[in-house]
Amino acid sequence: MFHLIPVKIAERMDYLRALDRGELPEKPPPPGRLWQVPPETGKFLALMAAAAPAGRCIEIGSSGGYSGLWLSLAMRERGDVLTTFEIDSGRAALARATYEKAEVAGLIRLEFGDAMELIGGADGIAFVFLDGSKEDYPAFFDKLAPKMTPGGILCADNAISHADEMPPFFATIEAHPDFDSVVVPVGQGVLLARKSL
């Protein structure tokens, strides 16, 4: 499934990688770098989203839309729509352009604003990709955990690259009786957690 990436998606992935590396005349939205996941993390996320149980799929931190492109492949297979949240207006605009140009806008709904406030009404969550401010990870987990379905999967990025910021988050998950977790050494490190059945 993920080895046959549609041309429009592949072209936009290439564009975003070049933009992030500063190889294009355009400048990324402030504060600069997009800090998007590497391709191997994108593929891992798509596999996890495709394997998640029935329910809502959400992403916290859209950036330029690169990870959303990978997740759109899983959404197409699931017959689902990804809801992604972005608090930065420049990145939200870039992500919207990404989804349009890659022709996946029907598979992704972007909500602009503070995800901490916007996820309040979300229930039946089957998959989460958490890639916002690392200091907010414990608070996001506390909000998301009761809303996740049995067997639901949570992936949190930068578990290795930001190891000095992660102990409170790790401790929060480890203390929760309904979740098992492991750090997967893919990309910058992804904490993979699953809610028990």
N, C-alpha and C. Protein backbone atom coordinates (compact mmCIF):
# COMPACT_ATOMS: atom_id res chain seq x y z
N MET A 1 0.83 -1.21 0.00
CA MET A 1 0.00 0.00 0.00
C MET A 1 0.86 1.26 0.00
N PHE A 2 1.85 1.35 0.92
CA PHE A 2 2.61 2.59 1.06
C PHE A 2 3.84 2.66 0.16
N HIS A 3 4.10 1.60 -0.59
CA HIS A 3 5.22 1.65 -1.52
C HIS A 3 4.78 2.24 -2.87
N LEU A 4 3.46 2.41 -3.06
CA LEU A 4 2.93 3.02 -4.28
C LEU A 4 2.28 4.35 -3.91
N ILE A 5 3.09 5.38 -3.77
CA ILE A 5 2.60 6.69 -3.37
C ILE A 5 2.14 7.45 -4.62
N PRO A 6 0.89 7.94 -4.63
CA PRO A 6 0.42 8.70 -5.79
C PRO A 6 1.35 9.85 -6.15
N VAL A 7 1.44 10.15 -7.43
CA VAL A 7 2.40 11.13 -7.93
C VAL A 7 2.24 12.48 -7.26
N LYS A 8 1.00 12.97 -7.13
CA LYS A 8 0.78 14.29 -6.55
C LYS A 8 1.26 14.36 -5.10
N ILE A 9 1.06 13.27 -4.36
CA ILE A 9 1.52 13.23 -2.97
C ILE A 9 3.04 13.20 -2.93
N ALA A 10 3.66 12.36 -3.77
CA ALA A 10 5.12 12.26 -3.81
C ALA A 10 5.75 13.60 -4.19
N GLU A 11 5.15 14.31 -5.15
CA GLU A 11 5.69 15.61 -5.57
C GLU A 11 5.63 16.61 -4.43
N ARG A 12 4.53 16.61 -3.68
CA ARG A 12 4.41 17.56 -2.57
C ARG A 12 5.35 17.18 -1.42
N MET A 13 5.54 15.89 -1.20
CA MET A 13 6.51 15.46 -0.19
C MET A 13 7.90 15.98 -0.54
N ASP A 14 8.29 15.84 -1.81
CA ASP A 14 9.59 16.32 -2.27
C ASP A 14 9.70 17.83 -2.08
N TYR A 15 8.64 18.54 -2.40
CA TYR A 15 8.62 20.00 -2.26
C TYR A 15 8.84 20.40 -0.80
N LEU A 16 8.12 19.77 0.11
CA LEU A 16 8.22 20.13 1.53
C LEU A 16 9.59 19.80 2.09
N ARG A 17 10.18 18.69 1.67
CA ARG A 17 11.53 18.35 2.14
C ARG A 17 12.54 19.40 1.65
N ALA A 18 12.41 19.81 0.39
CA ALA A 18 13.32 20.82 -0.16
C ALA A 18 13.10 22.17 0.52
N LEU A 19 11.86 22.51 0.79
CA LEU A 19 11.54 23.76 1.47
C LEU A 19 12.15 23.77 2.86
N ASP A 20 12.04 22.66 3.57
CA ASP A 20 12.56 22.58 4.93
C ASP A 20 14.09 22.66 4.95
N ARG A 21 14.72 22.17 3.89
CA ARG A 21 16.19 22.22 3.80
C ARG A 21 16.69 23.57 3.28
N GLY A 22 15.78 24.47 2.96
CA GLY A 22 16.18 25.79 2.46
C GLY A 22 16.66 25.78 1.03
N GLU A 23 16.21 24.80 0.25
CA GLU A 23 16.66 24.67 -1.14
C GLU A 23 15.74 25.38 -2.13
N LEU A 24 14.70 26.05 -1.65
CA LEU A 24 13.75 26.75 -2.52
C LEU A 24 13.76 28.23 -2.18
N PRO A 25 13.41 29.09 -3.16
CA PRO A 25 13.42 30.54 -2.89
C PRO A 25 12.37 30.95 -1.84
N GLU A 26 11.28 30.17 -1.71
CA GLU A 26 10.27 30.50 -0.71
C GLU A 26 10.83 30.26 0.69
N LYS A 27 10.31 30.98 1.63
CA LYS A 27 10.73 30.78 3.02
C LYS A 27 9.61 30.07 3.77
N PRO A 28 9.97 29.11 4.64
CA PRO A 28 8.91 28.47 5.43
C PRO A 28 8.28 29.46 6.40
N PRO A 29 7.10 29.17 6.91
CA PRO A 29 6.45 30.10 7.83
C PRO A 29 7.25 30.27 9.11
N PRO A 30 7.09 31.39 9.80
CA PRO A 30 7.82 31.58 11.05
C PRO A 30 7.45 30.49 12.04
N PRO A 31 8.35 30.10 12.93
CA PRO A 31 9.66 30.71 13.20
C PRO A 31 10.80 30.14 12.37
N GLY A 32 10.55 29.58 11.23
CA GLY A 32 11.62 29.09 10.38
C GLY A 32 11.39 27.66 9.92
N ARG A 33 12.22 26.74 10.42
CA ARG A 33 12.15 25.35 10.00
C ARG A 33 10.76 24.76 10.23
N LEU A 34 10.41 23.80 9.37
CA LEU A 34 9.14 23.11 9.52
C LEU A 34 9.25 21.95 10.51
N TRP A 35 10.47 21.42 10.67
CA TRP A 35 10.71 20.33 11.61
C TRP A 35 9.76 19.17 11.35
N GLN A 36 9.63 18.79 10.10
CA GLN A 36 8.73 17.69 9.77
C GLN A 36 9.42 16.34 9.97
N VAL A 37 8.62 15.30 10.07
CA VAL A 37 9.17 13.97 10.31
C VAL A 37 9.93 13.49 9.09
N PRO A 38 10.92 12.61 9.26
CA PRO A 38 11.59 12.00 8.11
C PRO A 38 10.69 10.96 7.46
N PRO A 39 10.98 10.56 6.22
CA PRO A 39 10.12 9.61 5.52
C PRO A 39 9.87 8.31 6.26
N GLU A 40 10.90 7.78 6.95
CA GLU A 40 10.70 6.51 7.64
C GLU A 40 9.69 6.64 8.79
N THR A 41 9.66 7.81 9.43
CA THR A 41 8.66 8.04 10.47
C THR A 41 7.27 8.17 9.85
N GLY A 42 7.20 8.87 8.72
CA GLY A 42 5.91 9.00 8.03
C GLY A 42 5.32 7.65 7.68
N LYS A 43 6.17 6.77 7.16
CA LYS A 43 5.69 5.43 6.80
C LYS A 43 5.26 4.65 8.04
N PHE A 44 6.02 4.77 9.12
CA PHE A 44 5.67 4.11 10.37
C PHE A 44 4.30 4.59 10.87
N LEU A 45 4.09 5.90 10.82
CA LEU A 45 2.80 6.47 11.27
C LEU A 45 1.65 5.94 10.42
N ALA A 46 1.88 5.88 9.10
CA ALA A 46 0.82 5.38 8.22
C ALA A 46 0.48 3.94 8.54
N LEU A 47 1.49 3.12 8.82
CA LEU A 47 1.25 1.73 9.19
C LEU A 47 0.46 1.63 10.49
N MET A 48 0.83 2.45 11.48
CA MET A 48 0.13 2.42 12.76
C MET A 48 -1.31 2.90 12.62
N ALA A 49 -1.52 3.94 11.83
CA ALA A 49 -2.88 4.45 11.63
C ALA A 49 -3.74 3.42 10.90
N ALA A 50 -3.16 2.75 9.92
CA ALA A 50 -3.91 1.74 9.18
C ALA A 50 -4.28 0.57 10.08
N ALA A 51 -3.43 0.27 11.07
CA ALA A 51 -3.65 -0.86 11.96
C ALA A 51 -4.55 -0.53 13.15
N ALA A 52 -4.84 0.74 13.36
CA ALA A 52 -5.65 1.15 14.51
C ALA A 52 -7.08 0.66 14.37
N PRO A 53 -7.80 0.51 15.50
CA PRO A 53 -9.19 0.07 15.43
C PRO A 53 -10.09 1.15 14.82
N ALA A 54 -11.34 0.84 14.67
CA ALA A 54 -12.29 1.82 14.13
C ALA A 54 -12.40 2.99 15.10
N GLY A 55 -12.54 4.18 14.53
CA GLY A 55 -12.67 5.37 15.35
C GLY A 55 -12.00 6.56 14.68
N ARG A 56 -11.97 7.68 15.38
CA ARG A 56 -11.42 8.91 14.83
C ARG A 56 -9.90 8.88 14.82
N CYS A 57 -9.31 9.54 13.83
CA CYS A 57 -7.86 9.68 13.72
C CYS A 57 -7.52 11.17 13.80
N ILE A 58 -6.59 11.51 14.69
CA ILE A 58 -6.23 12.91 14.85
C ILE A 58 -4.71 13.09 14.87
N GLU A 59 -4.32 14.31 14.48
CA GLU A 59 -2.92 14.70 14.51
C GLU A 59 -2.84 16.04 15.21
N ILE A 60 -1.92 16.17 16.15
CA ILE A 60 -1.72 17.43 16.86
C ILE A 60 -0.38 18.00 16.42
N GLY A 61 -0.44 19.04 15.60
CA GLY A 61 0.74 19.66 15.03
C GLY A 61 0.87 19.30 13.56
N SER A 62 0.22 20.08 12.69
CA SER A 62 0.21 19.80 11.25
C SER A 62 1.52 20.17 10.57
N SER A 63 2.16 21.23 11.06
CA SER A 63 3.31 21.86 10.41
C SER A 63 2.95 22.13 8.95
N GLY A 64 3.79 21.74 7.99
CA GLY A 64 3.49 22.02 6.59
C GLY A 64 2.63 20.97 5.91
N GLY A 65 2.23 19.95 6.67
CA GLY A 65 1.35 18.92 6.12
C GLY A 65 2.04 17.65 5.68
N TYR A 66 3.36 17.53 5.92
CA TYR A 66 4.10 16.37 5.44
C TYR A 66 3.61 15.07 6.08
N SER A 67 3.52 15.03 7.40
CA SER A 67 3.04 13.80 8.06
C SER A 67 1.60 13.51 7.69
N GLY A 68 0.82 14.57 7.47
CA GLY A 68 -0.56 14.38 7.04
C GLY A 68 -0.66 13.67 5.69
N LEU A 69 0.32 13.92 4.81
CA LEU A 69 0.32 13.23 3.53
C LEU A 69 0.50 11.72 3.72
N TRP A 70 1.42 11.35 4.60
CA TRP A 70 1.58 9.92 4.89
C TRP A 70 0.31 9.35 5.51
N LEU A 71 -0.27 10.08 6.45
CA LEU A 71 -1.47 9.59 7.12
C LEU A 71 -2.66 9.53 6.16
N SER A 72 -2.65 10.37 5.13
CA SER A 72 -3.76 10.32 4.15
C SER A 72 -3.79 8.96 3.44
N LEU A 73 -2.63 8.33 3.29
CA LEU A 73 -2.59 7.01 2.66
C LEU A 73 -3.35 6.00 3.52
N ALA A 74 -3.17 6.10 4.83
CA ALA A 74 -3.90 5.22 5.74
C ALA A 74 -5.38 5.57 5.76
N MET A 75 -5.70 6.88 5.69
CA MET A 75 -7.11 7.28 5.70
C MET A 75 -7.84 6.73 4.48
N ARG A 76 -7.15 6.74 3.34
CA ARG A 76 -7.77 6.20 2.13
C ARG A 76 -8.09 4.72 2.32
N GLU A 77 -7.18 3.98 2.92
CA GLU A 77 -7.42 2.56 3.15
C GLU A 77 -8.51 2.33 4.18
N ARG A 78 -8.56 3.18 5.21
CA ARG A 78 -9.54 3.04 6.29
C ARG A 78 -10.93 3.55 5.88
N GLY A 79 -10.98 4.39 4.84
CA GLY A 79 -12.23 5.06 4.51
C GLY A 79 -12.55 6.11 5.55
N ASP A 80 -11.51 6.80 6.03
CA ASP A 80 -11.62 7.74 7.15
C ASP A 80 -11.13 9.12 6.76
N VAL A 81 -11.28 10.05 7.69
CA VAL A 81 -10.76 11.41 7.53
C VAL A 81 -9.88 11.72 8.73
N LEU A 82 -8.69 12.25 8.48
CA LEU A 82 -7.79 12.70 9.53
C LEU A 82 -8.17 14.11 9.95
N THR A 83 -8.31 14.34 11.25
CA THR A 83 -8.47 15.71 11.75
C THR A 83 -7.12 16.14 12.31
N THR A 84 -6.59 17.22 11.77
CA THR A 84 -5.28 17.72 12.20
C THR A 84 -5.42 19.12 12.75
N PHE A 85 -4.65 19.42 13.79
CA PHE A 85 -4.73 20.70 14.49
C PHE A 85 -3.41 21.44 14.35
N GLU A 86 -3.48 22.73 14.03
CA GLU A 86 -2.28 23.56 13.91
C GLU A 86 -2.55 24.93 14.50
N ILE A 87 -1.67 25.37 15.38
CA ILE A 87 -1.86 26.64 16.09
C ILE A 87 -1.19 27.81 15.38
N ASP A 88 -0.23 27.53 14.51
CA ASP A 88 0.50 28.59 13.81
C ASP A 88 -0.18 28.89 12.47
N SER A 89 -0.52 30.15 12.24
CA SER A 89 -1.29 30.50 11.04
C SER A 89 -0.51 30.25 9.75
N GLY A 90 0.79 30.53 9.75
CA GLY A 90 1.60 30.31 8.56
C GLY A 90 1.69 28.84 8.20
N ARG A 91 1.92 28.03 9.20
CA ARG A 91 2.00 26.59 8.95
C ARG A 91 0.64 26.02 8.54
N ALA A 92 -0.42 26.53 9.15
CA ALA A 92 -1.76 26.07 8.78
C ALA A 92 -2.05 26.38 7.31
N ALA A 93 -1.66 27.56 6.86
CA ALA A 93 -1.87 27.94 5.46
C ALA A 93 -1.06 27.04 4.54
N LEU A 94 0.19 26.75 4.92
CA LEU A 94 1.03 25.88 4.11
C LEU A 94 0.45 24.46 4.07
N ALA A 95 -0.03 23.97 5.21
CA ALA A 95 -0.62 22.63 5.25
C ALA A 95 -1.86 22.56 4.36
N ARG A 96 -2.70 23.57 4.41
CA ARG A 96 -3.90 23.57 3.56
C ARG A 96 -3.50 23.52 2.09
N ALA A 97 -2.48 24.31 1.72
CA ALA A 97 -2.00 24.29 0.34
C ALA A 97 -1.45 22.91 -0.02
N THR A 98 -0.78 22.29 0.94
CA THR A 98 -0.23 20.94 0.73
C THR A 98 -1.34 19.95 0.41
N TYR A 99 -2.40 19.96 1.20
CA TYR A 99 -3.49 19.00 1.00
C TYR A 99 -4.19 19.23 -0.33
N GLU A 100 -4.34 20.50 -0.71
CA GLU A 100 -4.98 20.81 -1.99
C GLU A 100 -4.11 20.34 -3.17
N LYS A 101 -2.83 20.69 -3.12
CA LYS A 101 -1.94 20.36 -4.24
C LYS A 101 -1.70 18.86 -4.36
N ALA A 102 -1.74 18.16 -3.23
CA ALA A 102 -1.55 16.70 -3.26
C ALA A 102 -2.86 15.96 -3.52
N GLU A 103 -3.94 16.71 -3.63
CA GLU A 103 -5.27 16.16 -3.90
C GLU A 103 -5.73 15.17 -2.82
N VAL A 104 -5.49 15.56 -1.55
CA VAL A 104 -5.94 14.74 -0.42
C VAL A 104 -6.84 15.54 0.53
N ALA A 105 -7.29 16.71 0.09
CA ALA A 105 -8.09 17.57 0.97
C ALA A 105 -9.35 16.87 1.45
N GLY A 106 -9.87 15.93 0.68
CA GLY A 106 -11.05 15.19 1.11
C GLY A 106 -10.78 14.17 2.20
N LEU A 107 -9.49 13.92 2.46
CA LEU A 107 -9.11 12.93 3.47
C LEU A 107 -8.59 13.57 4.75
N ILE A 108 -8.41 14.90 4.74
CA ILE A 108 -7.84 15.60 5.89
C ILE A 108 -8.65 16.86 6.19
N ARG A 109 -9.03 17.01 7.44
CA ARG A 109 -9.71 18.25 7.88
C ARG A 109 -8.79 18.98 8.85
N LEU A 110 -8.35 20.18 8.47
CA LEU A 110 -7.46 20.96 9.32
C LEU A 110 -8.27 21.92 10.17
N GLU A 111 -7.98 21.91 11.46
CA GLU A 111 -8.60 22.85 12.40
C GLU A 111 -7.51 23.77 12.92
N PHE A 112 -7.69 25.07 12.67
CA PHE A 112 -6.70 26.07 13.09
C PHE A 112 -7.04 26.53 14.50
N GLY A 113 -6.04 26.48 15.37
CA GLY A 113 -6.23 26.94 16.74
C GLY A 113 -5.50 26.04 17.72
N ASP A 114 -5.77 26.28 19.00
CA ASP A 114 -5.12 25.54 20.08
C ASP A 114 -5.78 24.18 20.25
N ALA A 115 -5.05 23.14 19.92
CA ALA A 115 -5.61 21.78 20.00
C ALA A 115 -6.06 21.44 21.41
N MET A 116 -5.41 22.00 22.41
CA MET A 116 -5.78 21.71 23.80
C MET A 116 -7.23 22.10 24.05
N GLU A 117 -7.69 23.14 23.39
CA GLU A 117 -9.08 23.58 23.52
C GLU A 117 -9.98 22.86 22.52
N LEU A 118 -9.48 22.65 21.31
CA LEU A 118 -10.32 22.11 20.24
C LEU A 118 -10.64 20.63 20.38
N ILE A 119 -9.81 19.87 21.08
CA ILE A 119 -10.06 18.42 21.17
C ILE A 119 -11.08 18.08 22.25
N GLY A 120 -11.61 19.08 22.93
CA GLY A 120 -12.55 18.82 24.02
C GLY A 120 -13.74 17.97 23.64
N GLY A 121 -14.27 18.14 22.44
CA GLY A 121 -15.47 17.39 22.04
C GLY A 121 -15.18 16.11 21.30
N ALA A 122 -13.90 15.78 21.14
CA ALA A 122 -13.55 14.58 20.38
C ALA A 122 -13.68 13.34 21.25
N ASP A 123 -14.39 12.34 20.74
CA ASP A 123 -14.52 11.06 21.44
C ASP A 123 -14.30 9.94 20.43
N GLY A 124 -14.14 8.71 20.94
CA GLY A 124 -13.96 7.57 20.06
C GLY A 124 -12.71 7.67 19.22
N ILE A 125 -11.60 8.14 19.84
CA ILE A 125 -10.35 8.33 19.11
C ILE A 125 -9.60 7.01 19.03
N ALA A 126 -9.27 6.61 17.80
CA ALA A 126 -8.58 5.34 17.57
C ALA A 126 -7.09 5.52 17.31
N PHE A 127 -6.70 6.68 16.80
CA PHE A 127 -5.30 6.93 16.48
C PHE A 127 -4.97 8.39 16.73
N VAL A 128 -3.81 8.62 17.35
CA VAL A 128 -3.32 9.98 17.60
C VAL A 128 -1.86 10.06 17.19
N PHE A 129 -1.51 11.10 16.44
CA PHE A 129 -0.10 11.44 16.25
C PHE A 129 0.12 12.75 16.96
N LEU A 130 0.95 12.73 17.98
CA LEU A 130 1.22 13.88 18.84
C LEU A 130 2.57 14.46 18.46
N ASP A 131 2.57 15.68 17.93
CA ASP A 131 3.81 16.31 17.49
C ASP A 131 3.75 17.81 17.70
N GLY A 132 3.31 18.20 18.89
CA GLY A 132 3.25 19.61 19.24
C GLY A 132 4.38 19.97 20.18
N SER A 133 4.14 20.94 21.05
CA SER A 133 5.13 21.35 22.05
C SER A 133 5.37 20.21 23.02
N LYS A 134 6.62 19.83 23.20
CA LYS A 134 6.93 18.66 24.01
C LYS A 134 6.50 18.82 25.47
N GLU A 135 6.56 20.04 25.97
CA GLU A 135 6.17 20.27 27.36
C GLU A 135 4.67 20.05 27.58
N ASP A 136 3.91 20.09 26.49
CA ASP A 136 2.46 19.89 26.59
C ASP A 136 2.04 18.43 26.43
N TYR A 137 2.98 17.54 26.12
CA TYR A 137 2.64 16.14 25.90
C TYR A 137 1.88 15.51 27.08
N PRO A 138 2.33 15.70 28.34
CA PRO A 138 1.58 15.09 29.44
C PRO A 138 0.13 15.58 29.53
N ALA A 139 -0.08 16.89 29.32
CA ALA A 139 -1.43 17.45 29.39
C ALA A 139 -2.29 16.93 28.24
N PHE A 140 -1.69 16.82 27.06
CA PHE A 140 -2.44 16.26 25.93
C PHE A 140 -2.83 14.81 26.22
N PHE A 141 -1.89 14.05 26.75
CA PHE A 141 -2.19 12.65 27.04
C PHE A 141 -3.33 12.54 28.05
N ASP A 142 -3.31 13.38 29.09
CA ASP A 142 -4.37 13.34 30.10
C ASP A 142 -5.74 13.64 29.48
N LYS A 143 -5.76 14.52 28.48
CA LYS A 143 -7.03 14.84 27.81
C LYS A 143 -7.46 13.74 26.85
N LEU A 144 -6.49 13.15 26.17
CA LEU A 144 -6.80 12.18 25.13
C LEU A 144 -7.11 10.79 25.67
N ALA A 145 -6.41 10.37 26.72
CA ALA A 145 -6.52 8.99 27.20
C ALA A 145 -7.96 8.53 27.43
N PRO A 146 -8.79 9.31 28.13
CA PRO A 146 -10.17 8.83 28.34
C PRO A 146 -11.04 8.85 27.09
N LYS A 147 -10.60 9.55 26.05
CA LYS A 147 -11.37 9.67 24.82
C LYS A 147 -10.99 8.60 23.79
N MET A 148 -9.94 7.83 24.11
CA MET A 148 -9.46 6.84 23.15
C MET A 148 -10.21 5.53 23.28
N THR A 149 -10.40 4.87 22.15
CA THR A 149 -11.11 3.60 22.12
C THR A 149 -10.21 2.49 22.63
N PRO A 150 -10.77 1.38 23.11
CA PRO A 150 -9.95 0.21 23.46
C PRO A 150 -9.14 -0.22 22.23
N GLY A 151 -7.85 -0.45 22.44
CA GLY A 151 -6.97 -0.79 21.33
C GLY A 151 -6.44 0.41 20.58
N GLY A 152 -6.83 1.61 21.02
CA GLY A 152 -6.38 2.83 20.35
C GLY A 152 -4.88 3.01 20.45
N ILE A 153 -4.32 3.64 19.42
CA ILE A 153 -2.87 3.81 19.31
C ILE A 153 -2.51 5.29 19.36
N LEU A 154 -1.50 5.60 20.18
CA LEU A 154 -0.96 6.95 20.26
C LEU A 154 0.51 6.90 19.89
N CYS A 155 0.92 7.77 18.97
CA CYS A 155 2.33 7.91 18.58
C CYS A 155 2.76 9.33 18.91
N ALA A 156 3.86 9.47 19.65
CA ALA A 156 4.38 10.79 20.01
C ALA A 156 5.79 10.92 19.46
N ASP A 157 6.03 11.98 18.69
CA ASP A 157 7.32 12.15 18.04
C ASP A 157 8.36 12.75 18.97
N ASN A 158 9.64 12.59 18.56
CA ASN A 158 10.80 13.17 19.24
C ASN A 158 11.11 12.54 20.60
N ALA A 159 10.75 11.27 20.74
CA ALA A 159 10.96 10.58 22.01
C ALA A 159 12.45 10.39 22.32
N ILE A 160 13.29 10.37 21.29
CA ILE A 160 14.73 10.23 21.49
C ILE A 160 15.44 11.57 21.33
N SER A 161 15.11 12.31 20.27
CA SER A 161 15.80 13.58 20.00
C SER A 161 15.56 14.62 21.09
N HIS A 162 14.42 14.54 21.78
CA HIS A 162 14.10 15.47 22.86
C HIS A 162 14.01 14.73 24.20
N ALA A 163 14.92 13.78 24.38
CA ALA A 163 14.86 12.91 25.56
C ALA A 163 14.88 13.68 26.88
N ASP A 164 15.56 14.84 26.89
CA ASP A 164 15.64 15.62 28.13
C ASP A 164 14.30 16.24 28.52
N GLU A 165 13.39 16.38 27.55
CA GLU A 165 12.07 16.97 27.83
C GLU A 165 11.00 15.91 28.07
N MET A 166 11.32 14.65 27.84
CA MET A 166 10.32 13.59 27.83
C MET A 166 10.00 12.90 29.16
N PRO A 167 10.87 12.93 30.18
CA PRO A 167 10.58 12.18 31.40
C PRO A 167 9.19 12.42 32.00
N PRO A 168 8.67 13.66 32.06
CA PRO A 168 7.31 13.81 32.61
C PRO A 168 6.26 13.09 31.78
N PHE A 169 6.43 13.11 30.46
CA PHE A 169 5.49 12.43 29.57
C PHE A 169 5.58 10.92 29.73
N PHE A 170 6.81 10.40 29.74
CA PHE A 170 7.01 8.97 29.93
C PHE A 170 6.39 8.52 31.25
N ALA A 171 6.62 9.30 32.30
CA ALA A 171 6.09 8.93 33.62
C ALA A 171 4.57 8.94 33.63
N THR A 172 3.97 9.90 32.93
CA THR A 172 2.51 9.99 32.88
C THR A 172 1.92 8.75 32.21
N ILE A 173 2.51 8.33 31.10
CA ILE A 173 2.01 7.14 30.40
C ILE A 173 2.25 5.87 31.21
N GLU A 174 3.45 5.75 31.77
CA GLU A 174 3.79 4.54 32.53
C GLU A 174 2.90 4.37 33.76
N ALA A 175 2.42 5.49 34.30
CA ALA A 175 1.57 5.44 35.49
C ALA A 175 0.12 5.11 35.15
N HIS A 176 -0.25 5.17 33.88
CA HIS A 176 -1.64 4.93 33.49
C HIS A 176 -1.87 3.42 33.37
N PRO A 177 -2.83 2.87 34.09
CA PRO A 177 -3.03 1.42 34.08
C PRO A 177 -3.57 0.86 32.77
N ASP A 178 -4.11 1.71 31.90
CA ASP A 178 -4.73 1.22 30.67
C ASP A 178 -3.83 1.28 29.45
N PHE A 179 -2.58 1.73 29.62
CA PHE A 179 -1.70 1.89 28.46
C PHE A 179 -0.38 1.14 28.62
N ASP A 180 0.04 0.53 27.53
CA ASP A 180 1.38 -0.03 27.41
C ASP A 180 2.12 0.81 26.38
N SER A 181 3.43 0.97 26.58
CA SER A 181 4.17 1.83 25.66
C SER A 181 5.60 1.35 25.47
N VAL A 182 6.19 1.78 24.37
CA VAL A 182 7.58 1.47 24.05
C VAL A 182 8.09 2.58 23.13
N VAL A 183 9.38 2.91 23.27
CA VAL A 183 10.00 3.88 22.37
C VAL A 183 10.57 3.13 21.17
N VAL A 184 10.16 3.52 19.98
CA VAL A 184 10.60 2.88 18.75
C VAL A 184 11.68 3.76 18.12
N PRO A 185 12.88 3.22 17.86
CA PRO A 185 13.97 4.04 17.32
C PRO A 185 13.86 4.26 15.81
N VAL A 186 12.80 4.92 15.41
CA VAL A 186 12.62 5.29 14.02
C VAL A 186 12.64 6.82 13.95
N GLY A 187 13.34 7.38 12.97
CA GLY A 187 13.43 8.83 12.86
C GLY A 187 14.03 9.45 14.11
N GLN A 188 13.30 10.40 14.70
CA GLN A 188 13.74 11.07 15.92
C GLN A 188 13.28 10.35 17.18
N GLY A 189 12.74 9.15 16.97
CA GLY A 189 12.22 8.37 18.10
C GLY A 189 10.73 8.62 18.25
N VAL A 190 9.95 7.54 18.25
CA VAL A 190 8.50 7.65 18.41
C VAL A 190 8.09 6.82 19.62
N LEU A 191 7.41 7.44 20.56
CA LEU A 191 6.82 6.67 21.65
C LEU A 191 5.50 6.11 21.13
N LEU A 192 5.38 4.79 21.15
CA LEU A 192 4.18 4.11 20.71
C LEU A 192 3.44 3.60 21.93
N ALA A 193 2.20 4.00 22.09
CA ALA A 193 1.38 3.56 23.23
C ALA A 193 0.07 2.99 22.71
N ARG A 194 -0.43 1.98 23.42
CA ARG A 194 -1.69 1.34 23.04
C ARG A 194 -2.58 1.21 24.27
N LYS A 195 -3.84 1.57 24.09
CA LYS A 195 -4.81 1.44 25.17
C LYS A 195 -5.32 0.00 25.19
N SER A 196 -5.39 -0.55 26.39
CA SER A 196 -5.81 -1.96 26.51
C SER A 196 -7.26 -2.14 26.11
N LEU A 197 -7.60 -3.38 25.74
CA LEU A 197 -8.96 -3.71 25.30
C LEU A 197 -9.89 -3.82 26.49
